[in-house]
Amino acid sequence: YVFYAAWLSEKNMPRQRESMMAKL
């Protein structure tokens, strides 16, 4: 899930919820 959130960030896609989920 961390790699998924990183992938979203690299693609400059919405990732606020995913980054919170990854960290949590």
mmCIF file of all heavy atoms, coordinates in Angstrom:
data_MODEL
# 
_entry.id   MODEL 
# 
loop_
_atom_site.group_PDB 
_atom_site.id 
_atom_site.type_symbol 
_atom_site.label_atom_id 
_atom_site.label_alt_id 
_atom_site.label_comp_id 
_atom_site.label_asym_id 
_atom_site.label_entity_id 
_atom_site.label_seq_id 
_atom_site.pdbx_PDB_ins_code 
_atom_site.Cartn_x 
_atom_site.Cartn_y 
_atom_site.Cartn_z 
_atom_site.occupancy 
_atom_site.B_iso_or_equiv 
_atom_site.pdbx_formal_charge 
_atom_site.auth_seq_id 
_atom_site.auth_comp_id 
_atom_site.auth_asym_id 
_atom_site.auth_atom_id 
_atom_site.pdbx_PDB_model_num 
ATOM 1   N N   . TYR A 1 1  ? 0.829   -1.209 0.000   1.00 0.00 ? 1  TYR A N   1 
ATOM 2   C CA  . TYR A 1 1  ? 0.000   0.000  0.000   1.00 0.00 ? 1  TYR A CA  1 
ATOM 3   C C   . TYR A 1 1  ? 0.864   1.259  0.000   1.00 0.00 ? 1  TYR A C   1 
ATOM 4   O O   . TYR A 1 1  ? 0.500   2.263  -0.620  1.00 0.00 ? 1  TYR A O   1 
ATOM 5   C CB  . TYR A 1 1  ? -0.971  0.019  1.187   1.00 0.00 ? 1  TYR A CB  1 
ATOM 6   C CG  . TYR A 1 1  ? -2.167  0.901  0.896   1.00 0.00 ? 1  TYR A CG  1 
ATOM 7   C CD1 . TYR A 1 1  ? -3.268  0.395  0.215   1.00 0.00 ? 1  TYR A CD1 1 
ATOM 8   C CD2 . TYR A 1 1  ? -2.148  2.256  1.215   1.00 0.00 ? 1  TYR A CD2 1 
ATOM 9   C CE1 . TYR A 1 1  ? -4.341  1.213  -0.107  1.00 0.00 ? 1  TYR A CE1 1 
ATOM 10  C CE2 . TYR A 1 1  ? -3.215  3.077  0.901   1.00 0.00 ? 1  TYR A CE2 1 
ATOM 11  C CZ  . TYR A 1 1  ? -4.307  2.553  0.239   1.00 0.00 ? 1  TYR A CZ  1 
ATOM 12  O OH  . TYR A 1 1  ? -5.365  3.369  -0.097  1.00 0.00 ? 1  TYR A OH  1 
ATOM 13  N N   . VAL A 1 2  ? 2.006   1.198  0.644   1.00 0.00 ? 2  VAL A N   1 
ATOM 14  C CA  . VAL A 1 2  ? 2.929   2.337  0.598   1.00 0.00 ? 2  VAL A CA  1 
ATOM 15  C C   . VAL A 1 2  ? 3.411   2.565  -0.830  1.00 0.00 ? 2  VAL A C   1 
ATOM 16  O O   . VAL A 1 2  ? 3.452   3.698  -1.316  1.00 0.00 ? 2  VAL A O   1 
ATOM 17  C CB  . VAL A 1 2  ? 4.122   2.112  1.550   1.00 0.00 ? 2  VAL A CB  1 
ATOM 18  C CG1 . VAL A 1 2  ? 5.192   3.186  1.333   1.00 0.00 ? 2  VAL A CG1 1 
ATOM 19  C CG2 . VAL A 1 2  ? 3.665   2.128  2.994   1.00 0.00 ? 2  VAL A CG2 1 
ATOM 20  N N   . PHE A 1 3  ? 3.751   1.486  -1.545  1.00 0.00 ? 3  PHE A N   1 
ATOM 21  C CA  . PHE A 1 3  ? 4.172   1.621  -2.936  1.00 0.00 ? 3  PHE A CA  1 
ATOM 22  C C   . PHE A 1 3  ? 3.029   2.134  -3.818  1.00 0.00 ? 3  PHE A C   1 
ATOM 23  O O   . PHE A 1 3  ? 3.264   2.877  -4.781  1.00 0.00 ? 3  PHE A O   1 
ATOM 24  C CB  . PHE A 1 3  ? 4.700   0.295  -3.473  1.00 0.00 ? 3  PHE A CB  1 
ATOM 25  C CG  . PHE A 1 3  ? 6.060   -0.081 -2.945  1.00 0.00 ? 3  PHE A CG  1 
ATOM 26  C CD1 . PHE A 1 3  ? 6.362   -1.383 -2.614  1.00 0.00 ? 3  PHE A CD1 1 
ATOM 27  C CD2 . PHE A 1 3  ? 7.048   0.882  -2.782  1.00 0.00 ? 3  PHE A CD2 1 
ATOM 28  C CE1 . PHE A 1 3  ? 7.618   -1.734 -2.132  1.00 0.00 ? 3  PHE A CE1 1 
ATOM 29  C CE2 . PHE A 1 3  ? 8.298   0.559  -2.302  1.00 0.00 ? 3  PHE A CE2 1 
ATOM 30  C CZ  . PHE A 1 3  ? 8.586   -0.757 -1.973  1.00 0.00 ? 3  PHE A CZ  1 
ATOM 31  N N   . TYR A 1 4  ? 1.804   1.745  -3.482  1.00 0.00 ? 4  TYR A N   1 
ATOM 32  C CA  . TYR A 1 4  ? 0.646   2.249  -4.232  1.00 0.00 ? 4  TYR A CA  1 
ATOM 33  C C   . TYR A 1 4  ? 0.501   3.764  -4.035  1.00 0.00 ? 4  TYR A C   1 
ATOM 34  O O   . TYR A 1 4  ? 0.317   4.520  -5.002  1.00 0.00 ? 4  TYR A O   1 
ATOM 35  C CB  . TYR A 1 4  ? -0.616  1.528  -3.774  1.00 0.00 ? 4  TYR A CB  1 
ATOM 36  C CG  . TYR A 1 4  ? -1.905  2.112  -4.319  1.00 0.00 ? 4  TYR A CG  1 
ATOM 37  C CD1 . TYR A 1 4  ? -2.121  2.220  -5.698  1.00 0.00 ? 4  TYR A CD1 1 
ATOM 38  C CD2 . TYR A 1 4  ? -2.905  2.567  -3.460  1.00 0.00 ? 4  TYR A CD2 1 
ATOM 39  C CE1 . TYR A 1 4  ? -3.299  2.767  -6.195  1.00 0.00 ? 4  TYR A CE1 1 
ATOM 40  C CE2 . TYR A 1 4  ? -4.087  3.099  -3.956  1.00 0.00 ? 4  TYR A CE2 1 
ATOM 41  C CZ  . TYR A 1 4  ? -4.278  3.198  -5.328  1.00 0.00 ? 4  TYR A CZ  1 
ATOM 42  O OH  . TYR A 1 4  ? -5.440  3.735  -5.818  1.00 0.00 ? 4  TYR A OH  1 
ATOM 43  N N   . ALA A 1 5  ? 0.609   4.218  -2.785  1.00 0.00 ? 5  ALA A N   1 
ATOM 44  C CA  . ALA A 1 5  ? 0.522   5.655  -2.511  1.00 0.00 ? 5  ALA A CA  1 
ATOM 45  C C   . ALA A 1 5  ? 1.669   6.402  -3.189  1.00 0.00 ? 5  ALA A C   1 
ATOM 46  O O   . ALA A 1 5  ? 1.476   7.511  -3.718  1.00 0.00 ? 5  ALA A O   1 
ATOM 47  C CB  . ALA A 1 5  ? 0.533   5.903  -1.002  1.00 0.00 ? 5  ALA A CB  1 
ATOM 48  N N   . ALA A 1 6  ? 2.853   5.801  -3.205  1.00 0.00 ? 6  ALA A N   1 
ATOM 49  C CA  . ALA A 1 6  ? 3.996   6.424  -3.880  1.00 0.00 ? 6  ALA A CA  1 
ATOM 50  C C   . ALA A 1 6  ? 3.751   6.518  -5.378  1.00 0.00 ? 6  ALA A C   1 
ATOM 51  O O   . ALA A 1 6  ? 4.081   7.522  -6.020  1.00 0.00 ? 6  ALA A O   1 
ATOM 52  C CB  . ALA A 1 6  ? 5.267   5.617  -3.595  1.00 0.00 ? 6  ALA A CB  1 
ATOM 53  N N   . TRP A 1 7  ? 3.170   5.469  -5.948  1.00 0.00 ? 7  TRP A N   1 
ATOM 54  C CA  . TRP A 1 7  ? 2.854   5.458  -7.388  1.00 0.00 ? 7  TRP A CA  1 
ATOM 55  C C   . TRP A 1 7  ? 1.862   6.567  -7.733  1.00 0.00 ? 7  TRP A C   1 
ATOM 56  O O   . TRP A 1 7  ? 2.034   7.273  -8.736  1.00 0.00 ? 7  TRP A O   1 
ATOM 57  C CB  . TRP A 1 7  ? 2.286   4.090  -7.762  1.00 0.00 ? 7  TRP A CB  1 
ATOM 58  C CG  . TRP A 1 7  ? 1.859   3.962  -9.193  1.00 0.00 ? 7  TRP A CG  1 
ATOM 59  C CD1 . TRP A 1 7  ? 2.642   3.725  -10.281 1.00 0.00 ? 7  TRP A CD1 1 
ATOM 60  C CD2 . TRP A 1 7  ? 0.515   4.066  -9.696  1.00 0.00 ? 7  TRP A CD2 1 
ATOM 61  N NE1 . TRP A 1 7  ? 1.883   3.675  -11.422 1.00 0.00 ? 7  TRP A NE1 1 
ATOM 62  C CE2 . TRP A 1 7  ? 0.569   3.874  -11.100 1.00 0.00 ? 7  TRP A CE2 1 
ATOM 63  C CE3 . TRP A 1 7  ? -0.725  4.282  -9.094  1.00 0.00 ? 7  TRP A CE3 1 
ATOM 64  C CZ2 . TRP A 1 7  ? -0.556  3.911  -11.902 1.00 0.00 ? 7  TRP A CZ2 1 
ATOM 65  C CZ3 . TRP A 1 7  ? -1.859  4.320  -9.893  1.00 0.00 ? 7  TRP A CZ3 1 
ATOM 66  C CH2 . TRP A 1 7  ? -1.766  4.137  -11.282 1.00 0.00 ? 7  TRP A CH2 1 
ATOM 67  N N   . LEU A 1 8  ? 0.861   6.754  -6.889  1.00 0.00 ? 8  LEU A N   1 
ATOM 68  C CA  . LEU A 1 8  ? -0.106  7.833  -7.120  1.00 0.00 ? 8  LEU A CA  1 
ATOM 69  C C   . LEU A 1 8  ? 0.593   9.187  -7.080  1.00 0.00 ? 8  LEU A C   1 
ATOM 70  O O   . LEU A 1 8  ? 0.300   10.081 -7.885  1.00 0.00 ? 8  LEU A O   1 
ATOM 71  C CB  . LEU A 1 8  ? -1.205  7.796  -6.058  1.00 0.00 ? 8  LEU A CB  1 
ATOM 72  C CG  . LEU A 1 8  ? -2.215  6.645  -6.126  1.00 0.00 ? 8  LEU A CG  1 
ATOM 73  C CD1 . LEU A 1 8  ? -3.156  6.704  -4.922  1.00 0.00 ? 8  LEU A CD1 1 
ATOM 74  C CD2 . LEU A 1 8  ? -3.023  6.688  -7.424  1.00 0.00 ? 8  LEU A CD2 1 
ATOM 75  N N   . SER A 1 9  ? 1.520   9.334  -6.148  1.00 0.00 ? 9  SER A N   1 
ATOM 76  C CA  . SER A 1 9  ? 2.233   10.596 -6.014  1.00 0.00 ? 9  SER A CA  1 
ATOM 77  C C   . SER A 1 9  ? 3.103   10.869 -7.237  1.00 0.00 ? 9  SER A C   1 
ATOM 78  O O   . SER A 1 9  ? 3.160   11.999 -7.743  1.00 0.00 ? 9  SER A O   1 
ATOM 79  C CB  . SER A 1 9  ? 3.091   10.569 -4.744  1.00 0.00 ? 9  SER A CB  1 
ATOM 80  O OG  . SER A 1 9  ? 3.669   11.831 -4.493  1.00 0.00 ? 9  SER A OG  1 
ATOM 81  N N   . GLU A 1 10 ? 3.763   9.822  -7.721  1.00 0.00 ? 10 GLU A N   1 
ATOM 82  C CA  . GLU A 1 10 ? 4.601   9.978  -8.914  1.00 0.00 ? 10 GLU A CA  1 
ATOM 83  C C   . GLU A 1 10 ? 3.785   10.375 -10.140 1.00 0.00 ? 10 GLU A C   1 
ATOM 84  O O   . GLU A 1 10 ? 4.251   11.118 -11.000 1.00 0.00 ? 10 GLU A O   1 
ATOM 85  C CB  . GLU A 1 10 ? 5.343   8.673  -9.190  1.00 0.00 ? 10 GLU A CB  1 
ATOM 86  C CG  . GLU A 1 10 ? 6.465   8.398  -8.202  1.00 0.00 ? 10 GLU A CG  1 
ATOM 87  C CD  . GLU A 1 10 ? 6.899   6.945  -8.222  1.00 0.00 ? 10 GLU A CD  1 
ATOM 88  O OE1 . GLU A 1 10 ? 6.491   6.219  -9.145  1.00 0.00 ? 10 GLU A OE1 1 
ATOM 89  O OE2 . GLU A 1 10 ? 7.650   6.540  -7.316  1.00 0.00 ? 10 GLU A OE2 1 
ATOM 90  N N   . LYS A 1 11 ? 2.543   9.865  -10.226 1.00 0.00 ? 11 LYS A N   1 
ATOM 91  C CA  . LYS A 1 11 ? 1.658   10.177 -11.345 1.00 0.00 ? 11 LYS A CA  1 
ATOM 92  C C   . LYS A 1 11 ? 0.910   11.492 -11.132 1.00 0.00 ? 11 LYS A C   1 
ATOM 93  O O   . LYS A 1 11 ? 0.094   11.885 -11.969 1.00 0.00 ? 11 LYS A O   1 
ATOM 94  C CB  . LYS A 1 11 ? 0.650   9.050  -11.552 1.00 0.00 ? 11 LYS A CB  1 
ATOM 95  C CG  . LYS A 1 11 ? 1.274   7.692  -11.871 1.00 0.00 ? 11 LYS A CG  1 
ATOM 96  C CD  . LYS A 1 11 ? 2.041   7.733  -13.182 1.00 0.00 ? 11 LYS A CD  1 
ATOM 97  C CE  . LYS A 1 11 ? 2.619   6.362  -13.524 1.00 0.00 ? 11 LYS A CE  1 
ATOM 98  N NZ  . LYS A 1 11 ? 3.423   6.401  -14.763 1.00 0.00 ? 11 LYS A NZ  1 
ATOM 99  N N   . ASN A 1 12 ? 1.204   12.151 -9.975  1.00 0.00 ? 12 ASN A N   1 
ATOM 100 C CA  . ASN A 1 12 ? 0.539   13.411 -9.630  1.00 0.00 ? 12 ASN A CA  1 
ATOM 101 C C   . ASN A 1 12 ? -0.982  13.250 -9.615  1.00 0.00 ? 12 ASN A C   1 
ATOM 102 O O   . ASN A 1 12 ? -1.724  14.139 -10.022 1.00 0.00 ? 12 ASN A O   1 
ATOM 103 C CB  . ASN A 1 12 ? 0.944   14.526 -10.594 1.00 0.00 ? 12 ASN A CB  1 
ATOM 104 C CG  . ASN A 1 12 ? 0.717   15.903 -9.982  1.00 0.00 ? 12 ASN A CG  1 
ATOM 105 O OD1 . ASN A 1 12 ? 0.757   16.068 -8.761  1.00 0.00 ? 12 ASN A OD1 1 
ATOM 106 N ND2 . ASN A 1 12 ? 0.459   16.884 -10.820 1.00 0.00 ? 12 ASN A ND2 1 
ATOM 107 N N   . MET A 1 13 ? -1.427  12.118 -9.119  1.00 0.00 ? 13 MET A N   1 
ATOM 108 C CA  . MET A 1 13 ? -2.853  11.824 -8.991  1.00 0.00 ? 13 MET A CA  1 
ATOM 109 C C   . MET A 1 13 ? -3.305  12.118 -7.565  1.00 0.00 ? 13 MET A C   1 
ATOM 110 O O   . MET A 1 13 ? -2.477  12.215 -6.657  1.00 0.00 ? 13 MET A O   1 
ATOM 111 C CB  . MET A 1 13 ? -3.117  10.357 -9.348  1.00 0.00 ? 13 MET A CB  1 
ATOM 112 C CG  . MET A 1 13 ? -2.792  10.024 -10.801 1.00 0.00 ? 13 MET A CG  1 
ATOM 113 S SD  . MET A 1 13 ? -2.821  8.237  -11.118 1.00 0.00 ? 13 MET A SD  1 
ATOM 114 C CE  . MET A 1 13 ? -4.563  7.873  -10.885 1.00 0.00 ? 13 MET A CE  1 
ATOM 115 N N   . PRO A 1 14 ? -4.614  12.300 -7.331  1.00 0.00 ? 14 PRO A N   1 
ATOM 116 C CA  . PRO A 1 14 ? -5.100  12.517 -5.959  1.00 0.00 ? 14 PRO A CA  1 
ATOM 117 C C   . PRO A 1 14 ? -4.622  11.394 -5.043  1.00 0.00 ? 14 PRO A C   1 
ATOM 118 O O   . PRO A 1 14 ? -4.782  10.218 -5.363  1.00 0.00 ? 14 PRO A O   1 
ATOM 119 C CB  . PRO A 1 14 ? -6.624  12.502 -6.123  1.00 0.00 ? 14 PRO A CB  1 
ATOM 120 C CG  . PRO A 1 14 ? -6.860  12.927 -7.539  1.00 0.00 ? 14 PRO A CG  1 
ATOM 121 C CD  . PRO A 1 14 ? -5.715  12.337 -8.326  1.00 0.00 ? 14 PRO A CD  1 
ATOM 122 N N   . ARG A 1 15 ? -4.019  11.760 -3.923  1.00 0.00 ? 15 ARG A N   1 
ATOM 123 C CA  . ARG A 1 15 ? -3.474  10.730 -3.040  1.00 0.00 ? 15 ARG A CA  1 
ATOM 124 C C   . ARG A 1 15 ? -3.546  11.123 -1.569  1.00 0.00 ? 15 ARG A C   1 
ATOM 125 O O   . ARG A 1 15 ? -2.917  10.495 -0.721  1.00 0.00 ? 15 ARG A O   1 
ATOM 126 C CB  . ARG A 1 15 ? -2.023  10.410 -3.406  1.00 0.00 ? 15 ARG A CB  1 
ATOM 127 C CG  . ARG A 1 15 ? -1.006  11.513 -3.115  1.00 0.00 ? 15 ARG A CG  1 
ATOM 128 C CD  . ARG A 1 15 ? -0.795  12.385 -4.272  1.00 0.00 ? 15 ARG A CD  1 
ATOM 129 N NE  . ARG A 1 15 ? 0.339   13.291 -4.148  1.00 0.00 ? 15 ARG A NE  1 
ATOM 130 C CZ  . ARG A 1 15 ? 0.536   14.296 -4.979  1.00 0.00 ? 15 ARG A CZ  1 
ATOM 131 N NH1 . ARG A 1 15 ? -0.314  14.539 -5.966  1.00 0.00 ? 15 ARG A NH1 1 
ATOM 132 N NH2 . ARG A 1 15 ? 1.581   15.075 -4.835  1.00 0.00 ? 15 ARG A NH2 1 
ATOM 133 N N   . GLN A 1 16 ? -4.331  12.152 -1.239  1.00 0.00 ? 16 GLN A N   1 
ATOM 134 C CA  . GLN A 1 16 ? -4.398  12.552 0.160   1.00 0.00 ? 16 GLN A CA  1 
ATOM 135 C C   . GLN A 1 16 ? -4.968  11.439 1.038   1.00 0.00 ? 16 GLN A C   1 
ATOM 136 O O   . GLN A 1 16 ? -4.402  11.103 2.080   1.00 0.00 ? 16 GLN A O   1 
ATOM 137 C CB  . GLN A 1 16 ? -5.239  13.829 0.304   1.00 0.00 ? 16 GLN A CB  1 
ATOM 138 C CG  . GLN A 1 16 ? -4.578  15.086 -0.232  1.00 0.00 ? 16 GLN A CG  1 
ATOM 139 C CD  . GLN A 1 16 ? -3.286  15.445 0.499   1.00 0.00 ? 16 GLN A CD  1 
ATOM 140 O OE1 . GLN A 1 16 ? -3.034  15.012 1.608   1.00 0.00 ? 16 GLN A OE1 1 
ATOM 141 N NE2 . GLN A 1 16 ? -2.438  16.232 -0.157  1.00 0.00 ? 16 GLN A NE2 1 
ATOM 142 N N   . ARG A 1 17 ? -6.094  10.835 0.595   1.00 0.00 ? 17 ARG A N   1 
ATOM 143 C CA  . ARG A 1 17 ? -6.677  9.766  1.399   1.00 0.00 ? 17 ARG A CA  1 
ATOM 144 C C   . ARG A 1 17 ? -5.750  8.558  1.427   1.00 0.00 ? 17 ARG A C   1 
ATOM 145 O O   . ARG A 1 17 ? -5.548  7.948  2.484   1.00 0.00 ? 17 ARG A O   1 
ATOM 146 C CB  . ARG A 1 17 ? -8.047  9.356  0.860   1.00 0.00 ? 17 ARG A CB  1 
ATOM 147 C CG  . ARG A 1 17 ? -8.738  8.319  1.757   1.00 0.00 ? 17 ARG A CG  1 
ATOM 148 C CD  . ARG A 1 17 ? -9.900  7.618  1.064   1.00 0.00 ? 17 ARG A CD  1 
ATOM 149 N NE  . ARG A 1 17 ? -10.961 8.539  0.680   1.00 0.00 ? 17 ARG A NE  1 
ATOM 150 C CZ  . ARG A 1 17 ? -12.125 8.127  0.158   1.00 0.00 ? 17 ARG A CZ  1 
ATOM 151 N NH1 . ARG A 1 17 ? -12.355 6.831  -0.033  1.00 0.00 ? 17 ARG A NH1 1 
ATOM 152 N NH2 . ARG A 1 17 ? -13.052 9.001  -0.193  1.00 0.00 ? 17 ARG A NH2 1 
ATOM 153 N N   . GLU A 1 18 ? -5.192  8.216  0.277   1.00 0.00 ? 18 GLU A N   1 
ATOM 154 C CA  . GLU A 1 18 ? -4.324  7.040  0.199   1.00 0.00 ? 18 GLU A CA  1 
ATOM 155 C C   . GLU A 1 18 ? -3.058  7.202  1.041   1.00 0.00 ? 18 GLU A C   1 
ATOM 156 O O   . GLU A 1 18 ? -2.584  6.235  1.643   1.00 0.00 ? 18 GLU A O   1 
ATOM 157 C CB  . GLU A 1 18 ? -3.960  6.757  -1.256  1.00 0.00 ? 18 GLU A CB  1 
ATOM 158 C CG  . GLU A 1 18 ? -5.107  6.235  -2.096  1.00 0.00 ? 18 GLU A CG  1 
ATOM 159 C CD  . GLU A 1 18 ? -6.095  7.317  -2.523  1.00 0.00 ? 18 GLU A CD  1 
ATOM 160 O OE1 . GLU A 1 18 ? -5.793  8.518  -2.328  1.00 0.00 ? 18 GLU A OE1 1 
ATOM 161 O OE2 . GLU A 1 18 ? -7.169  6.971  -3.050  1.00 0.00 ? 18 GLU A OE2 1 
ATOM 162 N N   . SER A 1 19 ? -2.506  8.416  1.077   1.00 0.00 ? 19 SER A N   1 
ATOM 163 C CA  . SER A 1 19 ? -1.316  8.633  1.894   1.00 0.00 ? 19 SER A CA  1 
ATOM 164 C C   . SER A 1 19 ? -1.648  8.520  3.379   1.00 0.00 ? 19 SER A C   1 
ATOM 165 O O   . SER A 1 19 ? -0.839  8.007  4.168   1.00 0.00 ? 19 SER A O   1 
ATOM 166 C CB  . SER A 1 19 ? -0.688  10.004 1.587   1.00 0.00 ? 19 SER A CB  1 
ATOM 167 O OG  . SER A 1 19 ? -1.529  11.063 2.010   1.00 0.00 ? 19 SER A OG  1 
ATOM 168 N N   . MET A 1 20 ? -2.827  8.991  3.769   1.00 0.00 ? 20 MET A N   1 
ATOM 169 C CA  . MET A 1 20 ? -3.256  8.838  5.161   1.00 0.00 ? 20 MET A CA  1 
ATOM 170 C C   . MET A 1 20 ? -3.446  7.365  5.502   1.00 0.00 ? 20 MET A C   1 
ATOM 171 O O   . MET A 1 20 ? -3.044  6.905  6.576   1.00 0.00 ? 20 MET A O   1 
ATOM 172 C CB  . MET A 1 20 ? -4.549  9.622  5.416   1.00 0.00 ? 20 MET A CB  1 
ATOM 173 C CG  . MET A 1 20 ? -4.375  11.125 5.443   1.00 0.00 ? 20 MET A CG  1 
ATOM 174 S SD  . MET A 1 20 ? -5.844  12.014 6.017   1.00 0.00 ? 20 MET A SD  1 
ATOM 175 C CE  . MET A 1 20 ? -6.956  11.811 4.616   1.00 0.00 ? 20 MET A CE  1 
ATOM 176 N N   . MET A 1 21 ? -4.072  6.624  4.586   1.00 0.00 ? 21 MET A N   1 
ATOM 177 C CA  . MET A 1 21 ? -4.291  5.193  4.816   1.00 0.00 ? 21 MET A CA  1 
ATOM 178 C C   . MET A 1 21 ? -2.961  4.448  4.908   1.00 0.00 ? 21 MET A C   1 
ATOM 179 O O   . MET A 1 21 ? -2.787  3.566  5.765   1.00 0.00 ? 21 MET A O   1 
ATOM 180 C CB  . MET A 1 21 ? -5.141  4.613  3.688   1.00 0.00 ? 21 MET A CB  1 
ATOM 181 C CG  . MET A 1 21 ? -6.594  5.025  3.721   1.00 0.00 ? 21 MET A CG  1 
ATOM 182 S SD  . MET A 1 21 ? -7.511  4.308  2.321   1.00 0.00 ? 21 MET A SD  1 
ATOM 183 C CE  . MET A 1 21 ? -9.203  4.701  2.784   1.00 0.00 ? 21 MET A CE  1 
ATOM 184 N N   . ALA A 1 22 ? -2.026  4.797  4.034   1.00 0.00 ? 22 ALA A N   1 
ATOM 185 C CA  . ALA A 1 22 ? -0.717  4.138  4.030   1.00 0.00 ? 22 ALA A CA  1 
ATOM 186 C C   . ALA A 1 22 ? 0.011   4.381  5.345   1.00 0.00 ? 22 ALA A C   1 
ATOM 187 O O   . ALA A 1 22 ? 0.554   3.452  5.956   1.00 0.00 ? 22 ALA A O   1 
ATOM 188 C CB  . ALA A 1 22 ? 0.119   4.634  2.863   1.00 0.00 ? 22 ALA A CB  1 
ATOM 189 N N   . LYS A 1 23 ? 0.003   5.630  5.799   1.00 0.00 ? 23 LYS A N   1 
ATOM 190 C CA  . LYS A 1 23 ? 0.694   5.965  7.043   1.00 0.00 ? 23 LYS A CA  1 
ATOM 191 C C   . LYS A 1 23 ? -0.002  5.315  8.225   1.00 0.00 ? 23 LYS A C   1 
ATOM 192 O O   . LYS A 1 23 ? 0.652   4.745  9.122   1.00 0.00 ? 23 LYS A O   1 
ATOM 193 C CB  . LYS A 1 23 ? 0.751   7.486  7.208   1.00 0.00 ? 23 LYS A CB  1 
ATOM 194 C CG  . LYS A 1 23 ? 1.681   7.943  8.333   1.00 0.00 ? 23 LYS A CG  1 
ATOM 195 C CD  . LYS A 1 23 ? 0.972   7.984  9.666   1.00 0.00 ? 23 LYS A CD  1 
ATOM 196 C CE  . LYS A 1 23 ? 1.918   8.276  10.806  1.00 0.00 ? 23 LYS A CE  1 
ATOM 197 N NZ  . LYS A 1 23 ? 1.268   8.283  12.119  1.00 0.00 ? 23 LYS A NZ  1 
ATOM 198 N N   . LEU A 1 24 ? -1.314  5.390  8.280   1.00 0.00 ? 24 LEU A N   1 
ATOM 199 C CA  . LEU A 1 24 ? -2.076  4.796  9.375   1.00 0.00 ? 24 LEU A CA  1 
ATOM 200 C C   . LEU A 1 24 ? -1.825  3.299  9.467   1.00 0.00 ? 24 LEU A C   1 
ATOM 201 O O   . LEU A 1 24 ? -1.476  2.767  10.524  1.00 0.00 ? 24 LEU A O   1 
ATOM 202 C CB  . LEU A 1 24 ? -3.572  5.075  9.179   1.00 0.00 ? 24 LEU A CB  1 
ATOM 203 C CG  . LEU A 1 24 ? -4.538  4.350  10.118  1.00 0.00 ? 24 LEU A CG  1 
ATOM 204 C CD1 . LEU A 1 24 ? -4.343  4.813  11.557  1.00 0.00 ? 24 LEU A CD1 1 
ATOM 205 C CD2 . LEU A 1 24 ? -5.988  4.587  9.674   1.00 0.00 ? 24 LEU A CD2 1 
# 
